[in-house]
Amino acid sequence: MAATGVLKMGDWIRDDLPDLLWPALYLAHKDTTHAARDFVRWQEDVLADLDALGEPIEDRGFVAECLNGRLTGLERLAERIPEAKDILVRRAGDRGLLPEPVASALTAFPQRPAEWLTGCEQSVPEMTDLRLLSKAVQEAVTDGHREAVLKCLQIWAAVQAGTFRSDEMTIELLKFYPNDAGSRPHADTVVRASWGASRGARLMRDEHCFDAALAWSRVFWDFNSMTTKCVRRRDLEARKAAEEGRGAGGVQEEDLVRVTDGETDPLDLSTFTVDEDHDQSWMSQLPETSGVQPKDLRQRAMDMMRSYVEELETGRPFRLYDPAPQEVHAGLVSRAAREVITALGAPDLWCTEHGSHVGRVVVESRIVLAWMSTQDDDIYRAYKEYGAGKAKLYSRIAQELPSEWLVRGASEAIEQIEKLSHNHDIVDHVVVDTRSTFAEGKPLRVMADEVGMLDLYRHSYQLQSGVTHSEWWSVEEHAMERCMNILHRGHLIPSLSLSYGGNVDLARSWIIGLYGLMRMSLQLLGTNEEAVAEAFAWLHNHPGDEEHRDDTPAT
């Protein structure tokens, strides 16, 4: 099914949960799934009041669809039957479905369908609103039963309207749902499956039936990026440790945002200095490396990465509904930065033989991001799906190895690779693309040519690729030497001398290239130019005057 394109994997949390925000918030506020029966009684009340308007409801199926808990459903019902608006609000009040915390959390969102539901003007969300919202989303994501109850609202509405049709076994299973604990897991599964089938059937009848819901979902997720900040796992761990009283002296905020490769830095570069007056280079005059001694290059790269992350995470709004472009940009820049930062901590790598891969990663990332920016946004999803397929392929290949061949930890690594394929445990839907690149096999050289970066590819990437791929000229130059025995006719033998590292200009070129990659990434993402300039303003301070840097922790 996946290969034919018939199978469509949906994301109900992204596309549908915002539309079900009202019941999700109410159940989270009540802290019990059984509170859903209040909505069932509300459905019954509304249907009875609509029947009492004087004329029988002509399309009870339409009304049932509008009472399934969706905000867009309420909007549609009020548009077709204007009198329904007062009935919906009044009956919600009668059943206590809009307590102050729920109404307040709903009111925090602009452009919300059925804005008239709460009777309040949109306002800035308070911390209590965000806590309830987080609780509602988390329970919907992690609790299969909570998910099923939210999705069962459409079944209960159809039952109330007399339009529900199903086989006898399903009806018997749902008759006492969710009160029958014994049949609840089975019923949960049936509800979730029927919900997806019902949604698909509605799309078959009208491909635009969820357009309003999707538009609202986009507003919901993107608005969340304006009201809340990103949180890393280590932030939570540090907070937990602080709450438990571990770590004398407390946790400093800068420790939560500083880009590091571990808790300690075992490298000592304190004696690695260069007399700039004696060894001038144009690279040492650029803001990225101006006034920085070689021993401090690593810290400079770390600070640059920090500024990039700050600007990326505070550049509102972060497109949470469709985050693929920003995730890919952030991922490739982070990958390149980590390579540069690690290499700058080991001067032995500051040479062509051992450090070619560093510049290669920076150049490749720049070409790929520039090329993807010229395509539709679908290319970012294609890039991620291509990677997921590769992870699936690698995990399958690794699973062929006899268990006795595996070193300690290999099994866990294989499981992690398989997890990174994002495949389903039961439905094998991830496609393995065996072409050489994510762009339907298009080589990197062609991408570079199409975005005017062919010279960068030829003069940097291609030369460094020769070293990385062990082309013979590189092996001969770096790993071999002439035998000096005249009787051996000058054949080549392995060299026992390592290439000299410590090429400061090469190390600086990595930082300069990384800075260019970061600025290009932010520009392609449409980040505010003034904000970007401000984020990197510290680079243009007087050389060596680090005390003027803005050390405010990232938000």
Protein backbone atom coordinates (compact mmCIF):
# COMPACT_ATOMS: atom_id res chain seq x y z
CA MET A 1 0.00 0.00 0.00
CA ALA A 2 2.83 2.40 0.81
CA ALA A 3 4.55 1.68 -2.51
CA THR A 4 1.38 2.37 -4.53
CA GLY A 5 0.67 5.64 -2.77
CA VAL A 6 -2.71 4.47 -1.46
CA LEU A 7 -1.57 4.54 2.16
CA LYS A 8 -1.67 8.01 3.71
CA MET A 9 -0.14 8.42 7.15
CA GLY A 10 -1.99 11.14 9.03
CA ASP A 11 -0.92 13.25 11.98
CA TRP A 12 -4.05 13.80 14.04
CA ILE A 13 -2.18 15.69 16.76
CA ARG A 14 -1.00 18.29 14.26
CA ASP A 15 -4.12 18.46 12.07
CA ASP A 16 -7.06 17.64 14.34
CA LEU A 17 -6.22 18.15 18.02
CA PRO A 18 -6.38 21.97 17.79
CA ASP A 19 -9.91 21.64 16.44
CA LEU A 20 -10.76 19.43 19.45
CA LEU A 21 -9.11 21.87 21.85
CA TRP A 22 -12.29 22.60 23.81
CA PRO A 23 -13.01 19.02 24.96
CA ALA A 24 -9.27 18.32 25.36
CA LEU A 25 -8.93 21.27 27.73
CA TYR A 26 -12.08 20.32 29.62
CA LEU A 27 -10.96 16.71 30.20
CA ALA A 28 -7.51 17.93 31.29
CA HIS A 29 -9.11 20.43 33.68
CA LYS A 30 -11.42 17.78 35.17
CA ASP A 31 -8.47 15.38 35.25
CA THR A 32 -10.71 12.46 34.28
CA THR A 33 -11.79 10.97 31.01
CA HIS A 34 -15.26 10.23 32.40
CA ALA A 35 -15.98 13.96 32.20
CA ALA A 36 -16.66 13.32 28.51
CA ARG A 37 -20.20 12.33 29.46
CA ASP A 38 -20.83 16.02 30.15
CA PHE A 39 -20.25 16.63 26.46
CA VAL A 40 -22.56 13.75 25.56
CA ARG A 41 -25.34 15.33 27.62
CA TRP A 42 -24.58 18.68 26.01
CA GLN A 43 -24.98 17.07 22.58
CA GLU A 44 -28.35 15.69 23.66
CA ASP A 45 -29.46 19.09 25.01
CA VAL A 46 -28.48 20.94 21.85
CA LEU A 47 -30.23 18.45 19.57
CA ALA A 48 -33.41 18.69 21.65
CA ASP A 49 -33.36 22.48 21.54
CA LEU A 50 -32.80 22.49 17.78
CA ASP A 51 -35.75 20.13 17.37
CA ALA A 52 -37.86 22.50 19.46
CA LEU A 53 -37.24 25.45 17.14
CA GLY A 54 -40.45 24.63 15.30
CA GLU A 55 -39.15 22.80 12.25
CA PRO A 56 -37.57 19.35 12.32
CA ILE A 57 -33.86 19.20 11.58
CA GLU A 58 -33.58 18.36 7.88
CA ASP A 59 -29.98 17.13 7.90
CA ARG A 60 -29.34 15.39 11.20
CA GLY A 61 -26.08 13.95 9.86
CA PHE A 62 -24.77 17.47 9.31
CA VAL A 63 -25.76 18.50 12.83
CA ALA A 64 -24.08 15.40 14.28
CA GLU A 65 -20.87 16.26 12.44
CA CYS A 66 -21.03 19.76 13.91
CA LEU A 67 -21.44 18.50 17.48
CA ASN A 68 -18.38 16.23 17.41
CA GLY A 69 -16.34 18.54 19.65
CA ARG A 70 -14.64 20.43 16.82
CA LEU A 71 -14.56 24.21 17.02
CA THR A 72 -14.96 24.44 13.25
CA GLY A 73 -18.08 22.28 13.59
CA LEU A 74 -19.65 24.82 15.93
CA GLU A 75 -18.81 27.57 13.47
CA ARG A 76 -20.44 25.68 10.59
CA LEU A 77 -23.56 24.93 12.60
CA ALA A 78 -24.01 28.57 13.64
CA GLU A 79 -23.56 29.71 10.04
CA ARG A 80 -26.30 27.40 8.76
CA ILE A 81 -28.64 27.76 11.78
CA PRO A 82 -28.07 31.22 13.34
CA GLU A 83 -30.25 30.37 16.33
CA ALA A 84 -27.86 27.55 17.20
CA LYS A 85 -25.19 29.96 18.48
CA ASP A 86 -27.17 30.96 21.57
CA ILE A 87 -28.21 27.35 22.16
CA LEU A 88 -24.64 26.08 22.00
CA VAL A 89 -23.34 28.70 24.44
CA ARG A 90 -26.28 28.43 26.84
CA ARG A 91 -26.22 24.64 27.00
CA ALA A 92 -22.43 24.66 27.46
CA GLY A 93 -22.96 26.94 30.46
CA ASP A 94 -25.70 24.70 31.83
CA ARG A 95 -23.39 21.68 31.72
CA GLY A 96 -20.41 23.60 33.14
CA LEU A 97 -18.31 22.92 30.04
CA LEU A 98 -16.69 26.37 30.09
CA PRO A 99 -15.17 26.79 33.55
CA GLU A 100 -12.88 29.80 33.89
CA PRO A 101 -9.59 27.93 33.31
CA VAL A 102 -10.90 26.31 30.10
CA ALA A 103 -12.44 29.53 28.80
CA SER A 104 -9.27 31.46 29.61
CA ALA A 105 -7.04 28.97 27.75
CA LEU A 106 -9.34 29.04 24.72
CA THR A 107 -9.45 32.82 24.69
CA ALA A 108 -5.65 33.01 24.46
CA PHE A 109 -5.70 32.04 20.77
CA PRO A 110 -6.41 34.50 17.97
CA GLN A 111 -8.33 33.60 14.80
CA ARG A 112 -10.01 30.77 16.70
CA PRO A 113 -13.13 29.22 15.15
CA ALA A 114 -16.29 29.89 17.20
CA GLU A 115 -14.64 32.81 19.00
CA TRP A 116 -18.09 33.67 20.37
CA LEU A 117 -18.10 30.47 22.46
CA THR A 118 -16.40 31.97 25.53
CA GLY A 119 -17.86 35.46 25.24
CA CYS A 120 -14.43 36.93 25.98
CA GLU A 121 -11.93 38.95 23.94
CA GLN A 122 -8.63 37.37 22.97
CA SER A 123 -5.94 38.04 25.59
CA VAL A 124 -2.30 37.21 26.26
CA PRO A 125 -2.03 33.71 27.77
CA GLU A 126 -1.07 33.46 31.41
CA MET A 127 1.14 30.76 32.86
CA THR A 128 -1.95 28.92 34.17
CA ASP A 129 -3.32 28.83 30.61
CA LEU A 130 -0.07 27.39 29.28
CA ARG A 131 0.06 24.73 32.00
CA LEU A 132 -3.48 23.55 31.23
CA LEU A 133 -2.78 23.63 27.51
CA SER A 134 0.41 21.59 27.96
CA LYS A 135 -1.45 19.07 30.11
CA ALA A 136 -4.21 18.70 27.52
CA VAL A 137 -1.80 18.14 24.63
CA GLN A 138 0.43 15.77 26.59
CA GLU A 139 -2.51 13.60 27.63
CA ALA A 140 -3.82 13.47 24.09
CA VAL A 141 -0.38 12.44 22.80
CA THR A 142 0.58 9.90 25.46
CA ASP A 143 -2.75 8.44 26.63
CA GLY A 144 -4.39 6.17 24.06
CA HIS A 145 -7.62 6.10 26.05
CA ARG A 146 -7.82 9.90 26.22
CA GLU A 147 -7.26 10.02 22.47
CA ALA A 148 -10.04 7.47 21.90
CA VAL A 149 -12.53 9.36 24.08
CA LEU A 150 -11.90 12.60 22.19
CA LYS A 151 -12.40 10.76 18.91
CA CYS A 152 -15.53 9.04 20.21
CA LEU A 153 -17.34 12.36 20.48
CA GLN A 154 -18.29 12.08 16.82
CA ILE A 155 -19.76 8.60 17.43
CA TRP A 156 -21.76 9.79 20.43
CA ALA A 157 -23.05 12.76 18.43
CA ALA A 158 -24.19 10.44 15.64
CA VAL A 159 -25.88 8.18 18.18
CA GLN A 160 -27.73 11.15 19.68
CA ALA A 161 -28.80 12.29 16.22
CA GLY A 162 -29.90 8.79 15.20
CA THR A 163 -27.48 8.62 12.27
CA PHE A 164 -24.91 6.15 13.61
CA ARG A 165 -24.59 2.94 11.61
CA SER A 166 -22.27 0.03 12.32
CA ASP A 167 -22.10 -3.75 12.66
CA GLU A 168 -23.66 -5.47 15.65
CA MET A 169 -20.32 -6.42 17.21
CA THR A 170 -19.11 -2.81 17.24
CA ILE A 171 -22.40 -1.57 18.67
CA GLU A 172 -22.25 -4.13 21.49
CA LEU A 173 -18.64 -3.20 22.18
CA LEU A 174 -19.42 0.53 22.41
CA LYS A 175 -22.71 0.20 24.25
CA PHE A 176 -21.09 0.56 27.68
CA TYR A 177 -17.98 2.47 26.58
CA PRO A 178 -15.99 3.79 28.37
CA ASN A 179 -17.46 2.50 31.64
CA ASP A 180 -16.73 -1.18 31.02
CA ALA A 181 -13.08 -1.52 32.07
CA GLY A 182 -12.84 -5.06 30.68
CA SER A 183 -13.67 -4.14 27.08
CA ARG A 184 -12.17 -0.65 27.18
CA PRO A 185 -8.79 -1.40 25.50
CA HIS A 186 -10.54 -3.22 22.64
CA ALA A 187 -13.10 -0.46 22.31
CA ASP A 188 -10.38 2.21 22.33
CA THR A 189 -8.76 0.54 19.35
CA VAL A 190 -12.05 0.29 17.46
CA VAL A 191 -12.85 3.96 18.13
CA ARG A 192 -9.45 5.15 16.93
CA ALA A 193 -9.61 2.99 13.81
CA SER A 194 -13.16 4.02 12.93
CA TRP A 195 -12.28 7.67 13.46
CA GLY A 196 -9.51 7.47 10.87
CA ALA A 197 -11.77 5.60 8.44
CA SER A 198 -14.55 8.13 8.93
CA ARG A 199 -12.16 11.02 8.35
CA GLY A 200 -10.90 9.42 5.17
CA ALA A 201 -14.46 8.82 3.93
CA ARG A 202 -15.35 12.47 4.49
CA LEU A 203 -12.30 13.53 2.49
CA MET A 204 -13.35 11.23 -0.33
CA ARG A 205 -16.74 12.95 -0.45
CA ASP A 206 -15.29 16.45 -0.10
CA GLU A 207 -11.54 17.02 -0.28
CA HIS A 208 -11.96 20.49 1.21
CA CYS A 209 -14.07 19.50 4.21
CA PHE A 210 -11.19 19.98 6.66
CA ASP A 211 -9.68 23.12 5.12
CA ALA A 212 -10.93 25.34 7.94
CA ALA A 213 -9.65 22.91 10.57
CA LEU A 214 -6.22 22.78 8.93
CA ALA A 215 -6.03 26.56 8.68
CA TRP A 216 -6.86 26.85 12.39
CA SER A 217 -4.33 24.13 13.26
CA ARG A 218 -1.61 26.09 11.50
CA VAL A 219 -2.51 29.19 13.54
CA PHE A 220 -2.61 27.16 16.76
CA TRP A 221 0.83 25.58 16.44
CA ASP A 222 2.57 28.64 15.03
CA PHE A 223 1.07 30.85 17.75
CA ASN A 224 2.50 28.50 20.39
CA SER A 225 6.00 29.38 19.17
CA MET A 226 5.27 33.02 20.01
CA THR A 227 4.14 32.31 23.56
CA THR A 228 6.47 29.52 24.65
CA LYS A 229 10.17 28.78 24.18
CA CYS A 230 12.02 25.64 23.16
CA VAL A 231 13.03 23.32 26.00
CA ARG A 232 15.90 20.85 25.85
CA ARG A 233 16.13 17.60 27.74
CA ARG A 234 19.19 18.83 29.62
CA ASP A 235 17.18 21.88 30.73
CA LEU A 236 14.66 19.57 32.37
CA GLU A 237 17.39 17.42 33.88
CA ALA A 238 19.17 20.48 35.28
CA ARG A 239 15.90 21.79 36.68
CA LYS A 240 15.17 18.44 38.27
CA ALA A 241 18.65 18.28 39.75
CA ALA A 242 18.27 21.78 41.16
CA GLU A 243 14.90 20.91 42.68
CA GLU A 244 16.40 17.84 44.30
CA GLY A 245 19.21 19.91 45.76
CA ARG A 246 22.03 18.32 43.76
CA GLY A 247 24.96 20.31 42.54
CA ALA A 248 26.27 22.72 45.14
CA GLY A 249 26.21 26.28 43.97
CA GLY A 250 23.17 25.82 41.78
CA VAL A 251 22.81 25.65 38.02
CA GLN A 252 23.88 28.74 36.10
CA GLU A 253 21.59 29.78 33.26
CA GLU A 254 24.46 30.11 30.81
CA ASP A 255 25.23 26.43 31.37
CA LEU A 256 21.85 25.60 29.87
CA VAL A 257 22.53 27.33 26.57
CA ARG A 258 26.28 27.03 26.09
CA VAL A 259 27.20 24.73 23.21
CA THR A 260 29.56 22.09 24.57
CA ASP A 261 30.60 18.57 23.76
CA GLY A 262 30.49 17.36 27.33
CA GLU A 263 30.74 18.35 30.95
CA THR A 264 34.50 18.78 30.84
CA ASP A 265 37.05 19.78 28.25
CA PRO A 266 40.16 17.60 28.57
CA LEU A 267 42.07 19.55 25.89
CA ASP A 268 44.63 22.10 26.96
CA LEU A 269 45.39 24.64 24.23
CA SER A 270 46.59 27.35 26.57
CA THR A 271 50.11 27.32 25.09
CA PHE A 272 48.93 27.36 21.45
CA THR A 273 49.47 30.96 20.31
CA VAL A 274 50.61 32.74 17.16
CA ASP A 275 52.41 36.06 16.88
CA GLU A 276 50.05 37.89 14.49
CA ASP A 277 52.58 40.63 13.80
CA HIS A 278 54.98 37.97 12.57
CA ASP A 279 52.43 35.85 10.70
CA GLN A 280 49.74 38.10 9.20
CA SER A 281 46.85 36.60 7.27
CA TRP A 282 43.76 38.11 5.69
CA MET A 283 41.74 35.50 7.55
CA SER A 284 42.80 36.95 10.88
CA GLN A 285 41.27 40.31 9.90
CA LEU A 286 37.69 39.07 9.37
CA PRO A 287 35.19 39.66 12.20
CA GLU A 288 34.75 35.90 12.61
CA THR A 289 38.36 35.44 13.68
CA SER A 290 39.64 38.96 14.33
CA GLY A 291 41.74 39.23 17.47
CA VAL A 292 41.24 35.56 18.37
CA GLN A 293 44.24 33.47 19.31
CA PRO A 294 44.28 29.87 17.99
CA LYS A 295 43.64 28.52 21.47
CA ASP A 296 40.35 30.46 21.49
CA LEU A 297 39.08 29.50 18.05
CA ARG A 298 36.98 26.68 19.46
CA GLN A 299 35.21 29.02 21.87
CA ARG A 300 34.58 31.47 19.03
CA ALA A 301 32.83 28.75 17.01
CA MET A 302 30.80 27.74 20.06
CA ASP A 303 29.70 31.33 20.63
CA MET A 304 28.71 31.68 16.98
CA MET A 305 26.61 28.55 17.20
CA ARG A 306 24.96 29.88 20.31
CA SER A 307 24.01 33.10 18.51
CA TYR A 308 22.60 31.10 15.60
CA VAL A 309 20.48 28.98 17.94
CA GLU A 310 19.25 32.03 19.85
CA GLU A 311 18.18 33.79 16.67
CA LEU A 312 16.58 30.66 15.24
CA GLU A 313 14.58 29.94 18.38
CA THR A 314 13.55 33.53 19.08
CA GLY A 315 12.83 34.50 15.48
CA ARG A 316 9.04 34.42 15.71
CA PRO A 317 7.03 32.71 14.57
CA PHE A 318 8.66 29.31 14.41
CA ARG A 319 6.62 27.32 11.92
CA LEU A 320 5.51 24.52 14.19
CA TYR A 321 2.76 23.27 11.89
CA ASP A 322 5.26 22.60 9.12
CA PRO A 323 8.68 22.72 10.79
CA ALA A 324 10.58 20.69 8.16
CA PRO A 325 12.40 23.67 6.53
CA GLN A 326 13.63 25.09 9.82
CA GLU A 327 14.47 21.64 11.20
CA VAL A 328 16.55 20.77 8.15
CA HIS A 329 18.37 24.11 8.24
CA ALA A 330 19.02 23.81 11.96
CA GLY A 331 20.09 20.19 11.60
CA LEU A 332 22.62 20.75 8.82
CA VAL A 333 24.06 23.89 10.43
CA SER A 334 24.31 22.09 13.77
CA ARG A 335 25.99 19.12 12.11
CA ALA A 336 28.58 21.39 10.49
CA ALA A 337 29.12 23.39 13.68
CA ARG A 338 29.69 20.29 15.77
CA GLU A 339 32.27 19.09 13.26
CA VAL A 340 34.09 22.43 13.35
CA ILE A 341 33.92 22.77 17.14
CA THR A 342 35.26 19.26 17.69
CA ALA A 343 38.08 19.69 15.18
CA LEU A 344 39.12 23.04 16.66
CA GLY A 345 39.73 21.26 19.94
CA ALA A 346 42.37 19.02 18.33
CA PRO A 347 45.16 20.94 16.54
CA ASP A 348 46.45 17.69 15.04
CA LEU A 349 43.42 17.86 12.72
CA TRP A 350 44.34 21.31 11.44
CA CYS A 351 45.87 20.00 8.22
CA THR A 352 44.66 18.83 4.83
CA GLU A 353 45.09 15.12 5.47
CA HIS A 354 43.18 14.84 8.72
CA GLY A 355 40.85 17.85 8.48
CA SER A 356 39.52 17.71 4.93
CA HIS A 357 36.22 16.27 6.12
CA VAL A 358 35.55 19.39 8.23
CA GLY A 359 35.54 21.88 5.39
CA ARG A 360 33.74 19.35 3.21
CA VAL A 361 30.81 19.16 5.63
CA VAL A 362 30.52 22.97 5.75
CA VAL A 363 30.61 23.35 1.96
CA GLU A 364 28.20 20.48 1.34
CA SER A 365 25.70 21.92 3.83
CA ARG A 366 25.90 25.32 2.17
CA ILE A 367 25.27 23.93 -1.31
CA VAL A 368 22.44 21.65 -0.21
CA LEU A 369 20.61 24.38 1.73
CA ALA A 370 21.02 26.88 -1.08
CA TRP A 371 19.66 24.37 -3.60
CA MET A 372 16.73 23.32 -1.43
CA SER A 373 15.73 26.99 -1.04
CA THR A 374 15.10 27.10 -4.80
CA GLN A 375 12.63 24.18 -4.64
CA ASP A 376 9.16 23.81 -3.17
CA ASP A 377 9.01 23.24 0.58
CA ASP A 378 8.19 19.59 -0.15
CA ILE A 379 11.92 19.08 -0.79
CA TYR A 380 12.63 19.39 2.94
CA ARG A 381 10.17 16.61 3.72
CA ALA A 382 11.66 14.56 0.87
CA TYR A 383 15.11 15.03 2.43
CA LYS A 384 13.87 13.76 5.79
CA GLU A 385 11.95 10.86 4.24
CA TYR A 386 15.02 9.87 2.23
CA GLY A 387 17.02 9.76 5.47
CA ALA A 388 14.31 7.73 7.21
CA GLY A 389 14.44 5.22 4.37
CA LYS A 390 18.21 4.97 4.69
CA ALA A 391 17.91 4.36 8.43
CA LYS A 392 15.43 1.56 7.71
CA LEU A 393 17.80 0.04 5.14
CA TYR A 394 20.81 0.23 7.46
CA SER A 395 18.90 -1.36 10.32
CA ARG A 396 17.79 -4.24 8.07
CA ILE A 397 21.37 -4.77 6.90
CA ALA A 398 22.68 -4.68 10.47
CA GLN A 399 20.08 -7.20 11.60
CA GLU A 400 21.58 -9.73 9.18
CA LEU A 401 24.73 -9.91 11.28
CA PRO A 402 25.05 -12.97 13.53
CA SER A 403 24.55 -11.99 17.15
CA GLU A 404 27.95 -13.37 18.13
CA TRP A 405 29.61 -10.85 15.82
CA LEU A 406 28.13 -7.88 17.62
CA VAL A 407 30.22 -5.95 20.11
CA ARG A 408 28.69 -4.69 23.31
CA GLY A 409 26.14 -1.98 22.63
CA ALA A 410 25.70 -2.89 18.96
CA SER A 411 22.20 -4.29 19.45
CA GLU A 412 21.07 -1.06 21.11
CA ALA A 413 22.63 0.94 18.27
CA ILE A 414 20.75 -1.12 15.68
CA GLU A 415 17.50 -0.56 17.55
CA GLN A 416 18.19 3.17 17.62
CA ILE A 417 18.82 3.26 13.86
CA GLU A 418 15.56 1.41 13.29
CA LYS A 419 13.79 3.91 15.53
CA LEU A 420 15.20 6.75 13.44
CA SER A 421 13.43 5.34 10.39
CA HIS A 422 10.17 6.49 12.03
CA ASN A 423 8.52 3.36 10.69
CA HIS A 424 5.36 1.96 12.26
CA ASP A 425 5.58 -1.20 14.38
CA ILE A 426 2.83 -2.87 12.36
CA VAL A 427 2.36 -0.90 9.13
CA ASP A 428 5.64 -0.88 7.20
CA HIS A 429 5.19 2.41 5.35
CA VAL A 430 8.69 3.90 5.08
CA VAL A 431 10.00 3.78 1.51
CA VAL A 432 13.68 2.97 0.92
CA ASP A 433 15.05 5.14 -1.90
CA THR A 434 18.30 3.61 -3.17
CA ARG A 435 19.19 6.53 -5.42
CA SER A 436 22.40 8.36 -4.56
CA THR A 437 20.80 11.53 -3.17
CA PHE A 438 17.50 12.73 -1.72
CA ALA A 439 16.95 14.90 -4.83
CA GLU A 440 15.92 11.96 -7.02
CA GLY A 441 19.56 11.04 -7.41
CA LYS A 442 20.73 14.51 -8.50
CA PRO A 443 24.48 14.83 -7.72
CA LEU A 444 25.77 17.58 -5.45
CA ARG A 445 27.77 19.04 -8.34
CA VAL A 446 24.58 19.61 -10.34
CA MET A 447 22.91 21.22 -7.31
CA ALA A 448 25.90 23.55 -6.94
CA ASP A 449 25.77 24.46 -10.62
CA GLU A 450 22.05 25.24 -10.46
CA VAL A 451 22.52 27.73 -7.61
CA GLY A 452 25.70 29.35 -8.90
CA MET A 453 28.05 27.58 -6.50
CA LEU A 454 29.99 25.46 -8.96
CA ASP A 455 33.25 27.31 -8.21
CA LEU A 456 32.78 26.66 -4.49
CA TYR A 457 32.19 22.99 -5.27
CA ARG A 458 35.25 22.70 -7.54
CA HIS A 459 37.70 24.74 -5.51
CA SER A 460 36.79 23.42 -2.07
CA TYR A 461 34.49 20.42 -1.88
CA GLN A 462 35.92 18.49 -4.82
CA LEU A 463 39.52 18.84 -3.70
CA GLN A 464 38.68 17.84 -0.14
CA SER A 465 36.65 14.90 -1.41
CA GLY A 466 39.80 13.48 -2.94
CA VAL A 467 41.33 13.30 0.51
CA THR A 468 38.17 12.02 2.19
CA HIS A 469 37.67 9.24 -0.38
CA SER A 470 41.34 8.25 -0.35
CA GLU A 471 42.01 8.98 -4.00
CA TRP A 472 45.48 7.77 -4.85
CA TRP A 473 47.04 11.21 -5.22
CA SER A 474 46.06 11.93 -1.62
CA VAL A 475 47.22 8.57 -0.33
CA GLU A 476 50.53 9.01 -2.14
CA GLU A 477 51.03 12.49 -0.75
CA HIS A 478 50.00 11.89 2.83
CA ALA A 479 50.40 8.22 3.67
CA MET A 480 53.35 7.08 1.58
CA GLU A 481 56.99 7.97 1.11
CA ARG A 482 59.81 6.92 -1.21
CA CYS A 483 62.06 4.11 -0.13
CA MET A 484 65.58 5.50 -0.08
CA ASN A 485 67.23 2.16 -0.78
CA ILE A 486 68.61 2.48 -4.29
CA LEU A 487 68.34 -1.27 -4.69
CA HIS A 488 64.56 -0.98 -4.28
CA ARG A 489 64.19 1.36 -7.27
CA GLY A 490 62.42 4.10 -5.35
CA HIS A 491 59.18 2.27 -4.64
CA LEU A 492 56.61 3.68 -2.23
CA ILE A 493 56.34 2.51 1.37
CA PRO A 494 53.98 3.52 4.22
CA SER A 495 55.01 6.69 5.98
CA LEU A 496 55.52 6.45 9.71
CA SER A 497 55.33 10.22 10.19
CA LEU A 498 52.01 11.93 10.81
CA SER A 499 51.12 15.07 8.89
CA TYR A 500 51.87 18.24 10.80
CA GLY A 501 48.74 19.85 12.19
CA GLY A 502 48.35 23.27 13.69
CA ASN A 503 47.60 25.13 10.45
CA VAL A 504 45.92 28.17 11.97
CA ASP A 505 44.68 29.57 8.67
CA LEU A 506 42.93 26.29 7.89
CA ALA A 507 41.26 26.35 11.31
CA ARG A 508 40.19 29.94 10.74
CA SER A 509 38.76 29.04 7.33
CA TRP A 510 36.44 26.55 9.02
CA ILE A 511 35.06 29.27 11.28
CA ILE A 512 34.67 31.69 8.37
CA GLY A 513 32.86 29.04 6.35
CA LEU A 514 30.64 28.14 9.30
CA TYR A 515 29.71 31.79 9.83
CA GLY A 516 28.78 32.13 6.17
CA LEU A 517 26.64 29.00 6.42
CA MET A 518 24.79 30.34 9.48
CA ARG A 519 24.08 33.74 7.93
CA MET A 520 22.89 32.14 4.68
CA SER A 521 20.62 29.76 6.58
CA LEU A 522 18.97 32.56 8.55
CA GLN A 523 18.55 34.63 5.40
CA LEU A 524 16.93 31.75 3.49
CA LEU A 525 14.55 31.17 6.39
CA GLY A 526 13.41 34.77 6.12
CA THR A 527 14.62 35.76 9.58
CA ASN A 528 14.52 39.48 10.33
CA GLU A 529 17.80 40.96 9.06
CA GLU A 530 18.09 43.51 11.85
CA ALA A 531 17.57 40.81 14.46
CA VAL A 532 20.24 38.63 12.83
CA ALA A 533 22.68 41.54 12.73
CA GLU A 534 22.02 42.21 16.40
CA ALA A 535 22.50 38.53 17.29
CA PHE A 536 25.98 38.55 15.74
CA ALA A 537 26.87 42.15 16.65
CA TRP A 538 29.37 40.94 19.24
CA LEU A 539 31.57 39.70 16.39
CA HIS A 540 32.16 43.28 15.28
CA ASN A 541 33.25 44.58 18.68
CA HIS A 542 36.81 45.70 19.20
CA PRO A 543 39.07 42.66 18.73
CA GLY A 544 39.47 40.77 21.96
CA ASP A 545 36.96 42.93 23.83
CA GLU A 546 34.78 40.05 24.95
CA GLU A 547 33.30 41.91 27.90
CA HIS A 548 31.03 43.81 25.51
CA ARG A 549 29.34 40.64 24.39
CA ASP A 550 25.68 40.22 25.22
CA ASP A 551 25.76 37.17 27.45
CA THR A 552 22.01 37.05 27.97
CA PRO A 553 20.89 33.41 28.06
CA ALA A 554 18.78 32.20 25.14
CA THR A 555 15.03 32.36 25.66
